């Protein structure tokens, strides 16, 4: 398989899996938004991390800045407070890490 096609396919699969995880976790926390909102949250998170890592490189500072950006996105998309966004993000991170061990594309 072509390297570019493979990378795009892995990106799409990871985006879908991430959106499903975000959707399930936010439902567990009582949010009523649909899967489209979860997909947007996954896409925004991916774009934010990509941009920040591109400019700052990998490291704690880049992860912190991108993480704050993603928290802001969750807060705005789901109309929730900072604390709830943080708790949801931590649960999403834990579940995504577990799923990532099973599906190495994440």
N, C-alpha and C. Protein backbone atom coordinates (compact mmCIF):
# COMPACT_ATOMS: atom_id res chain seq x y z
N UNK A 1 0.85 -1.18 0.00
CA UNK A 1 0.00 0.00 0.00
C UNK A 1 0.89 1.24 0.00
N UNK A 2 0.51 2.24 -0.74
CA UNK A 2 1.25 3.49 -0.82
C UNK A 2 1.34 4.12 0.58
N UNK A 3 2.49 4.70 0.89
CA UNK A 3 2.72 5.30 2.21
C UNK A 3 1.72 6.41 2.51
N UNK A 4 1.44 7.26 1.54
CA UNK A 4 0.50 8.36 1.74
C UNK A 4 -0.91 7.83 1.98
N UNK A 5 -1.33 6.88 1.18
CA UNK A 5 -2.65 6.28 1.35
C UNK A 5 -2.75 5.60 2.71
N UNK A 6 -1.71 4.94 3.12
CA UNK A 6 -1.67 4.28 4.42
C UNK A 6 -1.78 5.31 5.55
N UNK A 7 -1.06 6.41 5.44
CA UNK A 7 -1.12 7.46 6.47
C UNK A 7 -2.51 8.08 6.55
N UNK A 8 -3.13 8.33 5.41
CA UNK A 8 -4.48 8.91 5.39
C UNK A 8 -5.47 7.93 5.99
N UNK A 9 -5.35 6.67 5.65
CA UNK A 9 -6.24 5.65 6.19
C UNK A 9 -6.09 5.54 7.70
N UNK A 10 -4.87 5.55 8.20
CA UNK A 10 -4.65 5.49 9.64
C UNK A 10 -5.20 6.73 10.34
N UNK A 11 -5.04 7.89 9.71
CA UNK A 11 -5.58 9.13 10.27
C UNK A 11 -7.10 9.06 10.37
N UNK A 12 -7.76 8.61 9.32
CA UNK A 12 -9.23 8.53 9.30
C UNK A 12 -9.73 7.54 10.35
N UNK A 13 -9.07 6.39 10.44
CA UNK A 13 -9.47 5.39 11.44
C UNK A 13 -9.29 5.94 12.85
N UNK A 14 -8.16 6.58 13.10
CA UNK A 14 -7.90 7.16 14.42
C UNK A 14 -8.91 8.26 14.74
N UNK A 15 -9.27 9.06 13.76
CA UNK A 15 -10.24 10.13 13.96
C UNK A 15 -11.62 9.55 14.31
N UNK A 16 -12.02 8.53 13.60
CA UNK A 16 -13.32 7.89 13.87
C UNK A 16 -13.34 7.25 15.25
N UNK A 17 -12.29 6.51 15.58
CA UNK A 17 -12.21 5.87 16.90
C UNK A 17 -12.22 6.93 18.00
N UNK A 18 -11.46 7.99 17.82
CA UNK A 18 -11.42 9.07 18.81
C UNK A 18 -12.78 9.73 18.97
N UNK A 19 -13.46 9.97 17.86
CA UNK A 19 -14.79 10.58 17.92
C UNK A 19 -15.78 9.69 18.68
N UNK A 20 -15.72 8.40 18.44
CA UNK A 20 -16.61 7.47 19.14
C UNK A 20 -16.31 7.48 20.63
N UNK A 21 -15.04 7.49 21.00
CA UNK A 21 -14.66 7.52 22.42
C UNK A 21 -15.14 8.82 23.06
N UNK A 22 -14.93 9.95 22.39
CA UNK A 22 -15.38 11.24 22.91
C UNK A 22 -16.90 11.23 23.07
N UNK A 23 -17.60 10.70 22.08
CA UNK A 23 -19.07 10.64 22.13
C UNK A 23 -19.55 9.82 23.34
N UNK A 24 -18.97 8.66 23.53
CA UNK A 24 -19.38 7.78 24.64
C UNK A 24 -19.07 8.43 25.99
N UNK A 25 -17.88 8.98 26.13
CA UNK A 25 -17.49 9.59 27.41
C UNK A 25 -18.38 10.80 27.72
N UNK A 26 -18.63 11.64 26.74
CA UNK A 26 -19.48 12.80 27.00
C UNK A 26 -20.90 12.39 27.33
N UNK A 27 -21.39 11.32 26.72
CA UNK A 27 -22.72 10.80 27.07
C UNK A 27 -22.74 10.31 28.52
N UNK A 28 -21.65 9.65 28.94
CA UNK A 28 -21.57 9.18 30.33
C UNK A 28 -21.61 10.35 31.33
N UNK A 29 -21.15 11.51 30.89
CA UNK A 29 -21.15 12.70 31.74
C UNK A 29 -22.41 13.55 31.54
N UNK A 30 -23.40 13.01 30.83
CA UNK A 30 -24.69 13.67 30.72
C UNK A 30 -24.83 14.69 29.61
N UNK A 31 -23.88 14.74 28.71
CA UNK A 31 -23.98 15.70 27.60
C UNK A 31 -24.94 15.16 26.54
N UNK A 32 -25.62 16.06 25.85
CA UNK A 32 -26.66 15.66 24.91
C UNK A 32 -26.28 15.87 23.44
N UNK A 33 -25.10 16.41 23.18
CA UNK A 33 -24.69 16.65 21.80
C UNK A 33 -24.52 15.32 21.05
N UNK A 34 -24.59 15.41 19.72
CA UNK A 34 -24.53 14.21 18.89
C UNK A 34 -23.09 13.83 18.51
N UNK A 35 -22.98 12.80 17.70
CA UNK A 35 -21.68 12.30 17.27
C UNK A 35 -20.94 13.33 16.43
N UNK A 36 -21.68 14.20 15.75
CA UNK A 36 -21.04 15.23 14.94
C UNK A 36 -20.18 16.16 15.81
N UNK A 37 -20.69 16.50 16.98
CA UNK A 37 -19.92 17.34 17.90
C UNK A 37 -18.67 16.61 18.37
N UNK A 38 -18.79 15.33 18.64
CA UNK A 38 -17.63 14.53 19.05
C UNK A 38 -16.60 14.47 17.92
N UNK A 39 -17.07 14.34 16.69
CA UNK A 39 -16.17 14.30 15.54
C UNK A 39 -15.44 15.64 15.40
N UNK A 40 -16.17 16.73 15.58
CA UNK A 40 -15.55 18.06 15.51
C UNK A 40 -14.51 18.21 16.63
N UNK A 41 -14.85 17.73 17.84
CA UNK A 41 -13.89 17.80 18.95
C UNK A 41 -12.63 17.00 18.64
N UNK A 42 -12.80 15.82 18.05
CA UNK A 42 -11.64 15.00 17.69
C UNK A 42 -10.81 15.69 16.61
N UNK A 43 -11.47 16.27 15.64
CA UNK A 43 -10.76 16.96 14.56
C UNK A 43 -10.04 18.20 15.07
N UNK A 44 -10.71 18.99 15.91
CA UNK A 44 -10.09 20.19 16.49
C UNK A 44 -8.87 19.79 17.31
N UNK A 45 -9.00 18.74 18.12
CA UNK A 45 -7.87 18.27 18.92
C UNK A 45 -6.69 17.86 18.06
N UNK A 46 -6.97 17.14 17.00
CA UNK A 46 -5.92 16.70 16.09
C UNK A 46 -5.22 17.88 15.43
N UNK A 47 -6.00 18.83 14.94
CA UNK A 47 -5.43 20.01 14.28
C UNK A 47 -4.61 20.84 15.27
N UNK A 48 -5.15 21.05 16.47
CA UNK A 48 -4.43 21.82 17.48
C UNK A 48 -3.09 21.18 17.83
N UNK A 49 -3.12 19.88 18.12
CA UNK A 49 -1.88 19.19 18.46
C UNK A 49 -0.89 19.23 17.31
N UNK A 50 -1.36 19.06 16.10
CA UNK A 50 -0.47 19.08 14.94
C UNK A 50 0.20 20.44 14.78
N UNK A 51 -0.59 21.50 14.89
CA UNK A 51 -0.03 22.85 14.73
C UNK A 51 0.96 23.18 15.84
N UNK A 52 0.58 22.91 17.09
CA UNK A 52 1.45 23.22 18.22
C UNK A 52 2.74 22.40 18.15
N UNK A 53 2.62 21.11 17.85
CA UNK A 53 3.82 20.27 17.77
C UNK A 53 4.70 20.68 16.60
N UNK A 54 4.10 21.16 15.53
CA UNK A 54 4.88 21.62 14.38
C UNK A 54 5.76 22.81 14.78
N UNK A 55 5.17 23.75 15.49
CA UNK A 55 5.91 24.97 15.85
C UNK A 55 6.80 24.81 17.08
N UNK A 56 6.38 24.01 18.06
CA UNK A 56 7.14 23.89 19.30
C UNK A 56 7.90 22.59 19.44
N UNK A 57 7.65 21.64 18.55
CA UNK A 57 8.27 20.32 18.68
C UNK A 57 7.59 19.52 19.78
N UNK A 58 8.01 18.30 19.93
CA UNK A 58 7.41 17.46 20.96
C UNK A 58 8.01 17.79 22.31
N UNK A 59 7.20 17.74 23.31
CA UNK A 59 7.66 18.05 24.65
C UNK A 59 6.51 18.45 25.55
N UNK A 60 6.82 18.66 26.80
CA UNK A 60 5.79 18.98 27.79
C UNK A 60 5.12 20.33 27.53
N UNK A 61 5.91 21.32 27.11
CA UNK A 61 5.33 22.64 26.86
C UNK A 61 4.33 22.57 25.71
N UNK A 62 4.69 21.89 24.64
CA UNK A 62 3.79 21.75 23.50
C UNK A 62 2.54 20.97 23.89
N UNK A 63 2.71 19.90 24.64
CA UNK A 63 1.57 19.10 25.08
C UNK A 63 0.65 19.92 25.98
N UNK A 64 1.23 20.72 26.87
CA UNK A 64 0.44 21.55 27.78
C UNK A 64 -0.36 22.60 27.00
N UNK A 65 0.29 23.29 26.08
CA UNK A 65 -0.39 24.33 25.30
C UNK A 65 -1.49 23.73 24.44
N UNK A 66 -1.19 22.63 23.76
CA UNK A 66 -2.20 21.97 22.93
C UNK A 66 -3.34 21.44 23.79
N UNK A 67 -3.00 20.91 24.96
CA UNK A 67 -4.03 20.39 25.88
C UNK A 67 -4.97 21.48 26.35
N UNK A 68 -4.43 22.65 26.68
CA UNK A 68 -5.27 23.78 27.08
C UNK A 68 -6.18 24.20 25.92
N UNK A 69 -5.64 24.20 24.73
CA UNK A 69 -6.44 24.53 23.55
C UNK A 69 -7.58 23.55 23.35
N UNK A 70 -7.27 22.26 23.56
CA UNK A 70 -8.31 21.24 23.39
C UNK A 70 -9.36 21.34 24.50
N UNK A 71 -8.94 21.66 25.72
CA UNK A 71 -9.89 21.88 26.80
C UNK A 71 -10.83 23.03 26.46
N UNK A 72 -10.28 24.09 25.91
CA UNK A 72 -11.08 25.23 25.49
C UNK A 72 -12.09 24.80 24.41
N UNK A 73 -11.64 23.97 23.47
CA UNK A 73 -12.53 23.48 22.42
C UNK A 73 -13.65 22.63 23.02
N UNK A 74 -13.31 21.72 23.93
CA UNK A 74 -14.34 20.91 24.59
C UNK A 74 -15.32 21.79 25.35
N UNK A 75 -14.78 22.76 26.06
CA UNK A 75 -15.60 23.69 26.85
C UNK A 75 -16.60 24.41 25.94
N UNK A 76 -16.14 24.88 24.80
CA UNK A 76 -17.00 25.63 23.89
C UNK A 76 -17.99 24.72 23.15
N UNK A 77 -17.51 23.59 22.65
CA UNK A 77 -18.37 22.69 21.88
C UNK A 77 -19.48 22.09 22.73
N UNK A 78 -19.17 21.75 23.98
CA UNK A 78 -20.15 21.10 24.84
C UNK A 78 -20.78 22.05 25.85
N UNK A 79 -20.37 23.33 25.81
CA UNK A 79 -20.91 24.34 26.72
C UNK A 79 -20.84 23.87 28.18
N UNK A 80 -19.63 23.52 28.59
CA UNK A 80 -19.38 23.03 29.95
C UNK A 80 -18.29 23.87 30.59
N UNK A 81 -18.10 23.69 31.88
CA UNK A 81 -17.07 24.44 32.59
C UNK A 81 -15.69 23.81 32.43
N UNK A 82 -14.69 24.54 32.92
CA UNK A 82 -13.30 24.07 32.82
C UNK A 82 -13.08 22.75 33.53
N UNK A 83 -13.64 22.62 34.75
CA UNK A 83 -13.41 21.41 35.54
C UNK A 83 -14.02 20.19 34.85
N UNK A 84 -15.25 20.32 34.37
CA UNK A 84 -15.89 19.20 33.68
C UNK A 84 -15.14 18.87 32.40
N UNK A 85 -14.69 19.88 31.68
CA UNK A 85 -13.90 19.64 30.46
C UNK A 85 -12.62 18.88 30.80
N UNK A 86 -11.97 19.26 31.90
CA UNK A 86 -10.74 18.59 32.32
C UNK A 86 -11.01 17.13 32.69
N UNK A 87 -12.06 16.89 33.45
CA UNK A 87 -12.39 15.52 33.86
C UNK A 87 -12.72 14.67 32.63
N UNK A 88 -13.53 15.22 31.74
CA UNK A 88 -13.88 14.49 30.51
C UNK A 88 -12.62 14.21 29.70
N UNK A 89 -11.74 15.19 29.57
CA UNK A 89 -10.50 15.02 28.80
C UNK A 89 -9.62 13.93 29.40
N UNK A 90 -9.52 13.89 30.73
CA UNK A 90 -8.70 12.85 31.38
C UNK A 90 -9.28 11.47 31.13
N UNK A 91 -10.60 11.34 31.24
CA UNK A 91 -11.25 10.04 30.98
C UNK A 91 -11.04 9.64 29.52
N UNK A 92 -11.20 10.59 28.60
CA UNK A 92 -10.97 10.31 27.18
C UNK A 92 -9.53 9.87 26.96
N UNK A 93 -8.58 10.57 27.58
CA UNK A 93 -7.17 10.22 27.44
C UNK A 93 -6.90 8.80 27.94
N UNK A 94 -7.46 8.43 29.09
CA UNK A 94 -7.24 7.09 29.65
C UNK A 94 -7.80 6.03 28.71
N UNK A 95 -9.05 6.22 28.27
CA UNK A 95 -9.68 5.23 27.39
C UNK A 95 -8.95 5.16 26.05
N UNK A 96 -8.57 6.31 25.50
CA UNK A 96 -7.84 6.32 24.23
C UNK A 96 -6.50 5.62 24.36
N UNK A 97 -5.84 5.79 25.50
CA UNK A 97 -4.56 5.11 25.73
C UNK A 97 -4.74 3.60 25.76
N UNK A 98 -5.80 3.15 26.41
CA UNK A 98 -6.08 1.71 26.47
C UNK A 98 -6.41 1.18 25.08
N UNK A 99 -7.27 1.88 24.36
CA UNK A 99 -7.63 1.45 23.00
C UNK A 99 -6.40 1.51 22.09
N UNK A 100 -5.53 2.51 22.30
CA UNK A 100 -4.32 2.64 21.50
C UNK A 100 -3.37 1.47 21.63
N UNK A 101 -3.42 0.79 22.78
CA UNK A 101 -2.59 -0.41 22.95
C UNK A 101 -3.11 -1.56 22.09
N UNK A 102 -4.43 -1.54 21.83
CA UNK A 102 -5.05 -2.58 21.03
C UNK A 102 -4.98 -2.24 19.54
N UNK A 103 -5.32 -0.98 19.23
CA UNK A 103 -5.27 -0.49 17.85
C UNK A 103 -4.11 0.48 17.73
N UNK A 104 -2.99 0.07 17.19
CA UNK A 104 -1.80 0.91 17.17
C UNK A 104 -1.87 2.14 16.28
N UNK A 105 -2.99 2.41 15.62
CA UNK A 105 -3.08 3.58 14.76
C UNK A 105 -3.37 4.86 15.54
N UNK A 106 -3.69 4.74 16.83
CA UNK A 106 -4.04 5.94 17.61
C UNK A 106 -2.81 6.61 18.14
